[in-house]
C-alpha atoms as a PDB file:
ATOM      1  CA  UNK A   1    -120.726 -20.445 -72.587  1.00  0.00           C
ATOM      2  CA  UNK A   2    -123.454 -20.403 -75.192  1.00  0.00           C
ATOM      3  CA  UNK A   3    -123.181 -18.547 -78.469  1.00  0.00           C
ATOM      4  CA  UNK A   4    -126.453 -17.589 -80.055  1.00  0.00           C
ATOM      5  CA  UNK A   5    -127.069 -17.552 -83.800  1.00  0.00           C
ATOM      6  CA  UNK A   6    -126.752 -13.797 -84.218  1.00  0.00           C
ATOM      7  CA  UNK A   7    -123.165 -13.856 -82.972  1.00  0.00           C
ATOM      8  CA  UNK A   8    -122.317 -16.705 -85.340  1.00  0.00           C
ATOM      9  CA  UNK A   9    -123.843 -14.822 -88.262  1.00  0.00           C
ATOM     10  CA  UNK A  10    -121.861 -11.713 -87.326  1.00  0.00           C
ATOM     11  CA  UNK A  11    -118.612 -13.689 -87.180  1.00  0.00           C
ATOM     12  CA  UNK A  12    -119.382 -15.330 -90.541  1.00  0.00           C
ATOM     13  CA  UNK A  13    -120.121 -11.988 -92.188  1.00  0.00           C
ATOM     14  CA  UNK A  14    -116.758 -10.594 -91.044  1.00  0.00           C
ATOM     15  CA  UNK A  15    -114.870 -13.677 -92.203  1.00  0.00           C
ATOM     16  CA  UNK A  16    -116.417 -13.301 -95.670  1.00  0.00           C
ATOM     17  CA  UNK A  17    -115.056  -9.739 -95.913  1.00  0.00           C
ATOM     18  CA  UNK A  18    -111.525 -10.933 -95.180  1.00  0.00           C
ATOM     19  CA  UNK A  19    -110.584 -10.923 -98.875  1.00  0.00           C
ATOM     20  CA  UNK A  20    -111.544  -7.252 -99.185  1.00  0.00           C
ATOM     21  CA  UNK A  21    -108.717  -6.148 -96.883  1.00  0.00           C
ATOM     22  CA  UNK A  22    -106.251  -6.218 -99.786  1.00  0.00           C
ATOM     23  CA  UNK A  23    -108.634  -4.195-101.954  1.00  0.00           C
ATOM     24  CA  UNK A  24    -109.078  -1.622 -99.191  1.00  0.00           C
ATOM     25  CA  UNK A  25    -105.307  -1.459 -98.791  1.00  0.00           C
ATOM     26  CA  UNK A  26    -104.858  -0.725-102.491  1.00  0.00           C
ATOM     27  CA  UNK A  27    -107.582   1.913-102.384  1.00  0.00           C
ATOM     28  CA  UNK A  28    -105.893   3.648 -99.441  1.00  0.00           C
ATOM     29  CA  UNK A  29    -102.584   3.595-101.309  1.00  0.00           C
ATOM     30  CA  UNK A  30    -103.995   5.269-104.418  1.00  0.00           C
ATOM     31  CA  UNK A  31    -106.190   7.880-102.689  1.00  0.00           C
ATOM     32  CA  UNK A  32    -103.222  10.096-101.628  1.00  0.00           C
ATOM     33  CA  UNK A  33    -101.644   9.743-105.075  1.00  0.00           C
ATOM     34  CA  UNK A  34    -104.811  10.793-106.892  1.00  0.00           C
ATOM     35  CA  UNK A  35    -105.400  13.594-104.391  1.00  0.00           C
ATOM     36  CA  UNK A  36    -101.904  14.982-104.934  1.00  0.00           C
ATOM     37  CA  UNK A  37    -102.033  14.718-108.724  1.00  0.00           C
ATOM     38  CA  UNK A  38    -105.543  16.238-108.826  1.00  0.00           C
ATOM     39  CA  UNK A  39    -104.460  19.087-106.545  1.00  0.00           C
ATOM     40  CA  UNK A  40    -101.411  19.863-108.649  1.00  0.00           C
ATOM     41  CA  UNK A  41    -103.466  19.751-111.843  1.00  0.00           C
ATOM     42  CA  UNK A  42    -106.131  22.074-110.467  1.00  0.00           C
ATOM     43  CA  UNK A  43    -103.455  24.433-109.147  1.00  0.00           C
ATOM     44  CA  UNK A  44    -101.823  24.645-112.566  1.00  0.00           C
ATOM     45  CA  UNK A  45    -105.188  25.291-114.236  1.00  0.00           C
ATOM     46  CA  UNK A  46    -105.992  28.101-111.794  1.00  0.00           C
ATOM     47  CA  UNK A  47    -102.549  29.663-112.207  1.00  0.00           C
ATOM     48  CA  UNK A  48    -102.836  29.595-116.012  1.00  0.00           C
ATOM     49  CA  UNK A  49    -106.324  31.124-115.827  1.00  0.00           C
ATOM     50  CA  UNK A  50    -105.118  33.861-113.466  1.00  0.00           C
ATOM     51  CA  UNK A  51    -102.115  34.579-115.666  1.00  0.00           C
ATOM     52  CA  UNK A  52    -104.346  35.046-118.691  1.00  0.00           C
ATOM     53  CA  UNK A  53    -106.808  37.242-116.792  1.00  0.00           C
ATOM     54  CA  UNK A  54    -104.068  39.426-115.275  1.00  0.00           C
ATOM     55  CA  UNK A  55    -102.331  39.747-118.657  1.00  0.00           C
ATOM     56  CA  UNK A  56    -105.649  40.828-120.162  1.00  0.00           C
ATOM     57  CA  UNK A  57    -106.093  43.519-117.492  1.00  0.00           C
ATOM     58  CA  UNK A  58    -102.548  44.794-118.004  1.00  0.00           C
ATOM     59  CA  UNK A  59    -103.008  44.901-121.782  1.00  0.00           C
ATOM     60  CA  UNK A  60    -106.466  46.504-121.426  1.00  0.00           C
ATOM     61  CA  UNK A  61    -108.392  43.751-123.156  1.00  0.00           C
ATOM     62  CA  UNK A  62    -111.097  41.324-122.082  1.00  0.00           C
ATOM     63  CA  UNK A  63    -109.164  38.062-121.888  1.00  0.00           C
ATOM     64  CA  UNK A  64    -110.543  34.532-121.919  1.00  0.00           C
ATOM     65  CA  UNK A  65    -114.283  34.624-121.360  1.00  0.00           C
ATOM     66  CA  UNK A  66    -115.925  32.605-124.126  1.00  0.00           C
ATOM     67  CA  UNK A  67    -115.377  29.093-122.741  1.00  0.00           C
ATOM     68  CA  UNK A  68    -117.576  28.807-119.682  1.00  0.00           C
ATOM     69  CA  UNK A  69    -118.363  31.451-117.085  1.00  0.00           C
ATOM     70  CA  UNK A  70    -115.493  33.957-116.767  1.00  0.00           C
ATOM     71  CA  UNK A  71    -113.357  31.792-119.061  1.00  0.00           C
ATOM     72  CA  UNK A  72    -112.849  29.038-116.486  1.00  0.00           C
ATOM     73  CA  UNK A  73    -113.088  26.268-119.100  1.00  0.00           C
ATOM     74  CA  UNK A  74    -110.591  27.935-121.445  1.00  0.00           C
ATOM     75  CA  UNK A  75    -107.809  25.496-120.507  1.00  0.00           C
ATOM     76  CA  UNK A  76    -110.102  22.564-121.344  1.00  0.00           C
ATOM     77  CA  UNK A  77    -110.940  24.147-124.705  1.00  0.00           C
ATOM     78  CA  UNK A  78    -107.242  24.755-125.422  1.00  0.00           C
ATOM     79  CA  UNK A  79    -106.342  21.162-124.533  1.00  0.00           C
ATOM     80  CA  UNK A  80    -109.100  19.780-126.741  1.00  0.00           C
ATOM     81  CA  UNK A  81    -107.958  22.001-129.597  1.00  0.00           C
ATOM     82  CA  UNK A  82    -104.378  20.802-129.114  1.00  0.00           C
ATOM     83  CA  UNK A  83    -105.389  17.128-129.230  1.00  0.00           C
ATOM     84  CA  UNK A  84    -107.493  17.561-132.363  1.00  0.00           C
ATOM     85  CA  UNK A  85    -104.937  19.531-134.366  1.00  0.00           C
ATOM     86  CA  UNK A  86    -103.262  17.999-137.383  1.00  0.00           C
ATOM     87  CA  UNK A  87     -99.774  16.645-136.746  1.00  0.00           C
ATOM     88  CA  UNK A  88     -97.449  18.471-139.143  1.00  0.00           C
ATOM     89  CA  UNK A  89     -93.834  17.428-139.613  1.00  0.00           C
ATOM     90  CA  UNK A  90     -91.200  19.897-140.829  1.00  0.00           C
ATOM     91  CA  UNK A  91     -90.085  19.335-144.405  1.00  0.00           C
ATOM     92  CA  UNK A  92     -86.598  20.842-143.995  1.00  0.00           C
ATOM     93  CA  UNK A  93     -85.772  19.799-140.457  1.00  0.00           C
ATOM     94  CA  UNK A  94     -84.486  16.885-138.465  1.00  0.00           C
ATOM     95  CA  UNK A  95     -87.628  14.821-137.954  1.00  0.00           C
ATOM     96  CA  UNK A  96     -86.006  12.545-135.366  1.00  0.00           C
ATOM     97  CA  UNK A  97     -85.139  15.468-133.070  1.00  0.00           C
ATOM     98  CA  UNK A  98     -88.557  16.998-133.683  1.00  0.00           C
ATOM     99  CA  UNK A  99     -90.299  13.800-132.509  1.00  0.00           C
ATOM    100  CA  UNK A 100     -87.960  12.856-129.637  1.00  0.00           C
ATOM    101  CA  UNK A 101     -87.984  16.281-127.949  1.00  0.00           C
ATOM    102  CA  UNK A 102     -91.512  16.123-126.466  1.00  0.00           C
ATOM    103  CA  UNK A 103     -90.925  12.527-125.366  1.00  0.00           C
ATOM    104  CA  UNK A 104     -87.854  13.565-123.386  1.00  0.00           C
ATOM    105  CA  UNK A 105     -89.841  16.316-121.689  1.00  0.00           C
ATOM    106  CA  UNK A 106     -92.730  14.000-120.827  1.00  0.00           C
ATOM    107  CA  UNK A 107     -90.482  11.202-119.525  1.00  0.00           C
ATOM    108  CA  UNK A 108     -88.527  13.607-117.312  1.00  0.00           C
ATOM    109  CA  UNK A 109     -91.791  14.863-115.793  1.00  0.00           C
ATOM    110  CA  UNK A 110     -92.857  11.285-115.056  1.00  0.00           C
ATOM    111  CA  UNK A 111     -89.450  10.510-113.527  1.00  0.00           C
ATOM    112  CA  UNK A 112     -89.746  13.511-111.223  1.00  0.00           C
ATOM    113  CA  UNK A 113     -92.678  11.770-109.496  1.00  0.00           C
ATOM    114  CA  UNK A 114     -90.285   9.052-108.255  1.00  0.00           C
ATOM    115  CA  UNK A 115     -88.957  11.174-105.412  1.00  0.00           C
ATOM    116  CA  UNK A 116     -92.284  12.587-104.190  1.00  0.00           C
ATOM    117  CA  UNK A 117     -93.515  10.809-101.032  1.00  0.00           C
ATOM    118  CA  UNK A 118     -97.199   9.986-101.498  1.00  0.00           C
ATOM    119  CA  UNK A 119     -97.733   8.610 -98.006  1.00  0.00           C
ATOM    120  CA  UNK A 120     -96.002   7.457 -94.846  1.00  0.00           C
ATOM    121  CA  UNK A 121     -95.043   4.049 -96.233  1.00  0.00           C
ATOM    122  CA  UNK A 122     -95.384   4.917 -99.909  1.00  0.00           C
ATOM    123  CA  UNK A 123     -92.108   6.413-101.060  1.00  0.00           C
ATOM    124  CA  UNK A 124     -90.956   5.033-104.391  1.00  0.00           C
ATOM    125  CA  UNK A 125     -87.308   6.027-103.892  1.00  0.00           C
ATOM    126  CA  UNK A 126     -86.101   7.054-100.454  1.00  0.00           C
ATOM    127  CA  UNK A 127     -83.066   9.218-101.144  1.00  0.00           C
ATOM    128  CA  UNK A 128     -81.236  11.813 -99.091  1.00  0.00           C
ATOM    129  CA  UNK A 129     -80.902  13.972-102.194  1.00  0.00           C
ATOM    130  CA  UNK A 130     -84.539  13.750-103.299  1.00  0.00           C
ATOM    131  CA  UNK A 131     -85.030  17.492-103.763  1.00  0.00           C
ATOM    132  CA  UNK A 132     -81.900  17.786-105.877  1.00  0.00           C
ATOM    133  CA  UNK A 133     -82.927  14.792-107.978  1.00  0.00           C
ATOM    134  CA  UNK A 134     -86.380  16.351-108.498  1.00  0.00           C
ATOM    135  CA  UNK A 135     -84.751  19.600-109.648  1.00  0.00           C
ATOM    136  CA  UNK A 136     -82.430  17.652-111.964  1.00  0.00           C
ATOM    137  CA  UNK A 137     -85.313  15.749-113.572  1.00  0.00           C
ATOM    138  CA  UNK A 138     -87.333  18.941-113.919  1.00  0.00           C
ATOM    139  CA  UNK A 139     -84.450  20.743-115.594  1.00  0.00           C
ATOM    140  CA  UNK A 140     -84.404  18.214-118.450  1.00  0.00           C
ATOM    141  CA  UNK A 141     -87.745  19.508-119.813  1.00  0.00           C
ATOM    142  CA  UNK A 142     -86.276  22.616-121.519  1.00  0.00           C
ATOM    143  CA  UNK A 143     -83.719  20.401-123.256  1.00  0.00           C
ATOM    144  CA  UNK A 144     -86.570  18.494-124.907  1.00  0.00           C
ATOM    145  CA  UNK A 145     -88.156  21.762-125.986  1.00  0.00           C
ATOM    146  CA  UNK A 146     -84.860  22.975-127.445  1.00  0.00           C
ATOM    147  CA  UNK A 147     -84.451  19.689-129.309  1.00  0.00           C
ATOM    148  CA  UNK A 148     -87.884  20.099-130.887  1.00  0.00           C
ATOM    149  CA  UNK A 149     -87.122  23.699-131.808  1.00  0.00           C
ATOM    150  CA  UNK A 150     -83.795  22.785-133.352  1.00  0.00           C
ATOM    151  CA  UNK A 151     -85.323  19.828-135.181  1.00  0.00           C
ATOM    152  CA  UNK A 152     -87.930  22.018-136.849  1.00  0.00           C
ATOM    153  CA  UNK A 153     -85.195  24.099-138.552  1.00  0.00           C
ATOM    154  CA  UNK A 154     -87.175  27.277-137.958  1.00  0.00           C
ATOM    155  CA  UNK A 155     -85.609  30.409-136.491  1.00  0.00           C
ATOM    156  CA  UNK A 156     -88.880  31.440-134.829  1.00  0.00           C
ATOM    157  CA  UNK A 157     -89.215  28.198-132.875  1.00  0.00           C
ATOM    158  CA  UNK A 158     -86.434  29.205-130.469  1.00  0.00           C
ATOM    159  CA  UNK A 159     -88.333  32.294-129.361  1.00  0.00           C
END
C-alpha cells in the first residue's frame, strides 16, 4: 500500500494540533459557566430596569430615561457612580462591623455557586442537599447587610 505525500501532510498537521486538545477542553468547560453567569447578570439587569419603569408608571413619573435609549444603561451608570463614590467611614460606629458586613454578603454569594451544576461533568460539589445548601448560603446575605447597618450606628440604616 502506497501513501502519497498529501496523506502524510494531513497526518502531520493533525499530530501538530494534538497539544490543542487540552486548550479546547478548557474552553468547553468555561463556556457554560460564562453563559450561565452572563445570563443571570442580564436577567438581573432587565428585572431592575423593569422594576424602575413599572414603579415610575405607578407613581406617575417618567422613570429612568437619561442613560441610553429608554434608560437601558441606567444600571451601568448607577454601578459606575457607586464605584467612583468616596468611601466614608462612620465616626461613631463600629468600623469593623461596617467593613466586614459587605464581605460576608459577597463571600456567601460566591459560595452559593459551589452547588450549581455548570455541565454534565462539571459539578463542583455533588450533594443530595444542594438546593438547601444554596438557600442556606443565600440567606447569609441579609446578615451581612444587618452587620453593616448596625456598625454604622445610624437608626436610618436599618430601614
